[in-house]
Each structure stands twice: as C-alpha cells, then as structure tokens.
Amino acid sequence: MQKLYSRSSPSGQVNKNMVPKQETITFLLNYSKALRVLEYQNLTFKTLLN
C-alpha cells in the first residue's frame, strides 16, 4: 500500500478531486487511535474505545 500511495502522478500534478479534506484525515486518524484489536486463542475482539 505504501508504494501505491507514495508514487507521484505521471503528470506531476495532484488531482484536486483526489485530495481528502482535513476533516476526513482527522476522523480516520482518531478512529485508528481508538480501535483496539485483541486476539485470544482463535477469537478476535475488535473494540472502539470512545
């Protein structure tokens, strides 16, 4: 995934429609900080700590 997103565009310009809003970035970062995954034996528990 990192290689996919780190490549520059062929024309060297960023498409303005593809740039996410700051609110979207903040939401995703906060969500990922609050998400906890716990694996116990063969079970996986996913909790959102809000």
N, C-alpha and C. Protein backbone atom coordinates (compact mmCIF):
# COMPACT_ATOMS: atom_id res chain seq x y z
N MET A 1 0.82 -1.19 0.00
CA MET A 1 0.00 0.00 0.00
C MET A 1 0.87 1.26 0.00
N GLN A 2 1.95 1.24 0.75
CA GLN A 2 2.79 2.42 0.83
C GLN A 2 3.34 2.79 -0.54
N LYS A 3 3.77 1.81 -1.31
CA LYS A 3 4.31 2.09 -2.63
C LYS A 3 3.24 2.67 -3.54
N LEU A 4 2.02 2.21 -3.39
CA LEU A 4 0.93 2.68 -4.22
C LEU A 4 0.66 4.16 -3.98
N TYR A 5 0.67 4.60 -2.72
CA TYR A 5 0.33 5.97 -2.39
C TYR A 5 1.53 6.91 -2.42
N SER A 6 2.74 6.38 -2.46
CA SER A 6 3.90 7.26 -2.44
C SER A 6 4.38 7.63 -3.83
N ARG A 7 3.84 7.00 -4.86
CA ARG A 7 4.24 7.34 -6.23
C ARG A 7 3.64 8.69 -6.62
N SER A 8 4.40 9.46 -7.37
CA SER A 8 3.86 10.73 -7.87
C SER A 8 3.03 10.45 -9.13
N SER A 9 2.15 11.37 -9.43
CA SER A 9 1.30 11.20 -10.60
C SER A 9 2.14 11.38 -11.86
N PRO A 10 1.73 10.75 -12.97
CA PRO A 10 2.50 10.83 -14.20
C PRO A 10 2.70 12.26 -14.70
N SER A 11 1.71 13.11 -14.52
CA SER A 11 1.83 14.48 -14.99
C SER A 11 2.54 15.38 -13.99
N GLY A 12 2.79 14.88 -12.79
CA GLY A 12 3.47 15.66 -11.77
C GLY A 12 2.55 16.58 -10.99
N GLN A 13 1.27 16.55 -11.30
CA GLN A 13 0.30 17.40 -10.61
C GLN A 13 -0.68 16.52 -9.84
N VAL A 14 -1.17 17.07 -8.74
CA VAL A 14 -2.14 16.34 -7.93
C VAL A 14 -3.54 16.72 -8.39
N ASN A 15 -4.35 15.71 -8.61
CA ASN A 15 -5.74 15.95 -8.98
C ASN A 15 -6.47 16.51 -7.77
N LYS A 16 -7.04 17.68 -7.89
CA LYS A 16 -7.71 18.34 -6.76
C LYS A 16 -8.89 17.54 -6.24
N ASN A 17 -9.51 16.70 -7.07
CA ASN A 17 -10.64 15.89 -6.64
C ASN A 17 -10.20 14.70 -5.78
N MET A 18 -8.93 14.36 -5.84
CA MET A 18 -8.43 13.20 -5.11
C MET A 18 -7.83 13.55 -3.75
N VAL A 19 -7.73 14.83 -3.42
CA VAL A 19 -7.15 15.25 -2.15
C VAL A 19 -8.25 15.24 -1.09
N PRO A 20 -8.06 14.47 0.01
CA PRO A 20 -9.10 14.41 1.05
C PRO A 20 -9.15 15.70 1.86
N LYS A 21 -10.30 15.97 2.44
CA LYS A 21 -10.45 17.13 3.32
C LYS A 21 -9.72 16.87 4.63
N GLN A 22 -9.35 17.94 5.31
CA GLN A 22 -8.67 17.82 6.59
C GLN A 22 -9.55 17.10 7.61
N GLU A 23 -10.87 17.31 7.56
CA GLU A 23 -11.79 16.65 8.49
C GLU A 23 -11.76 15.13 8.30
N THR A 24 -11.63 14.68 7.04
CA THR A 24 -11.58 13.26 6.76
C THR A 24 -10.31 12.64 7.33
N ILE A 25 -9.20 13.31 7.15
CA ILE A 25 -7.93 12.82 7.67
C ILE A 25 -7.98 12.75 9.19
N THR A 26 -8.49 13.79 9.83
CA THR A 26 -8.58 13.82 11.29
C THR A 26 -9.48 12.70 11.80
N PHE A 27 -10.62 12.48 11.15
CA PHE A 27 -11.54 11.42 11.55
C PHE A 27 -10.87 10.06 11.49
N LEU A 28 -10.19 9.77 10.38
CA LEU A 28 -9.55 8.47 10.21
C LEU A 28 -8.43 8.26 11.22
N LEU A 29 -7.66 9.29 11.50
CA LEU A 29 -6.59 9.16 12.48
C LEU A 29 -7.15 8.93 13.88
N ASN A 30 -8.18 9.66 14.24
CA ASN A 30 -8.80 9.47 15.56
C ASN A 30 -9.44 8.09 15.68
N TYR A 31 -10.06 7.62 14.62
CA TYR A 31 -10.68 6.30 14.63
C TYR A 31 -9.62 5.22 14.81
N SER A 32 -8.51 5.35 14.10
CA SER A 32 -7.47 4.33 14.20
C SER A 32 -6.81 4.34 15.57
N LYS A 33 -6.76 5.48 16.23
CA LYS A 33 -6.21 5.55 17.59
C LYS A 33 -7.14 4.87 18.59
N ALA A 34 -8.44 4.94 18.35
CA ALA A 34 -9.42 4.39 19.28
C ALA A 34 -9.70 2.91 19.05
N LEU A 35 -9.32 2.37 17.91
CA LEU A 35 -9.60 0.98 17.59
C LEU A 35 -8.57 0.06 18.24
N ARG A 36 -9.06 -0.93 18.96
CA ARG A 36 -8.18 -1.91 19.60
C ARG A 36 -8.61 -3.31 19.15
N VAL A 37 -7.63 -4.11 18.76
CA VAL A 37 -7.88 -5.49 18.33
C VAL A 37 -7.17 -6.41 19.29
N LEU A 38 -7.92 -7.31 19.89
CA LEU A 38 -7.38 -8.26 20.86
C LEU A 38 -7.61 -9.67 20.33
N GLU A 39 -6.55 -10.42 20.26
CA GLU A 39 -6.66 -11.81 19.82
C GLU A 39 -6.45 -12.72 21.02
N TYR A 40 -7.39 -13.62 21.20
CA TYR A 40 -7.34 -14.58 22.30
C TYR A 40 -7.66 -15.95 21.75
N GLN A 41 -6.72 -16.85 21.80
CA GLN A 41 -6.82 -18.18 21.22
C GLN A 41 -7.23 -18.05 19.76
N ASN A 42 -8.38 -18.54 19.36
CA ASN A 42 -8.83 -18.44 17.97
C ASN A 42 -9.84 -17.33 17.76
N LEU A 43 -10.02 -16.47 18.74
CA LEU A 43 -11.01 -15.40 18.66
C LEU A 43 -10.33 -14.05 18.47
N THR A 44 -10.99 -13.16 17.75
CA THR A 44 -10.51 -11.80 17.57
C THR A 44 -11.59 -10.86 18.05
N PHE A 45 -11.25 -9.96 18.98
CA PHE A 45 -12.18 -8.97 19.51
C PHE A 45 -11.75 -7.59 19.02
N LYS A 46 -12.67 -6.88 18.41
CA LYS A 46 -12.40 -5.52 17.95
C LYS A 46 -13.28 -4.58 18.75
N THR A 47 -12.66 -3.62 19.41
CA THR A 47 -13.42 -2.66 20.21
C THR A 47 -13.04 -1.25 19.81
N LEU A 48 -13.99 -0.38 19.90
CA LEU A 48 -13.78 1.04 19.63
C LEU A 48 -13.86 1.78 20.97
N LEU A 49 -12.76 2.33 21.39
CA LEU A 49 -12.66 2.97 22.70
C LEU A 49 -13.00 4.45 22.58
N ASN A 50 -14.27 4.76 22.71
CA ASN A 50 -14.71 6.17 22.67
C ASN A 50 -15.33 6.53 23.99
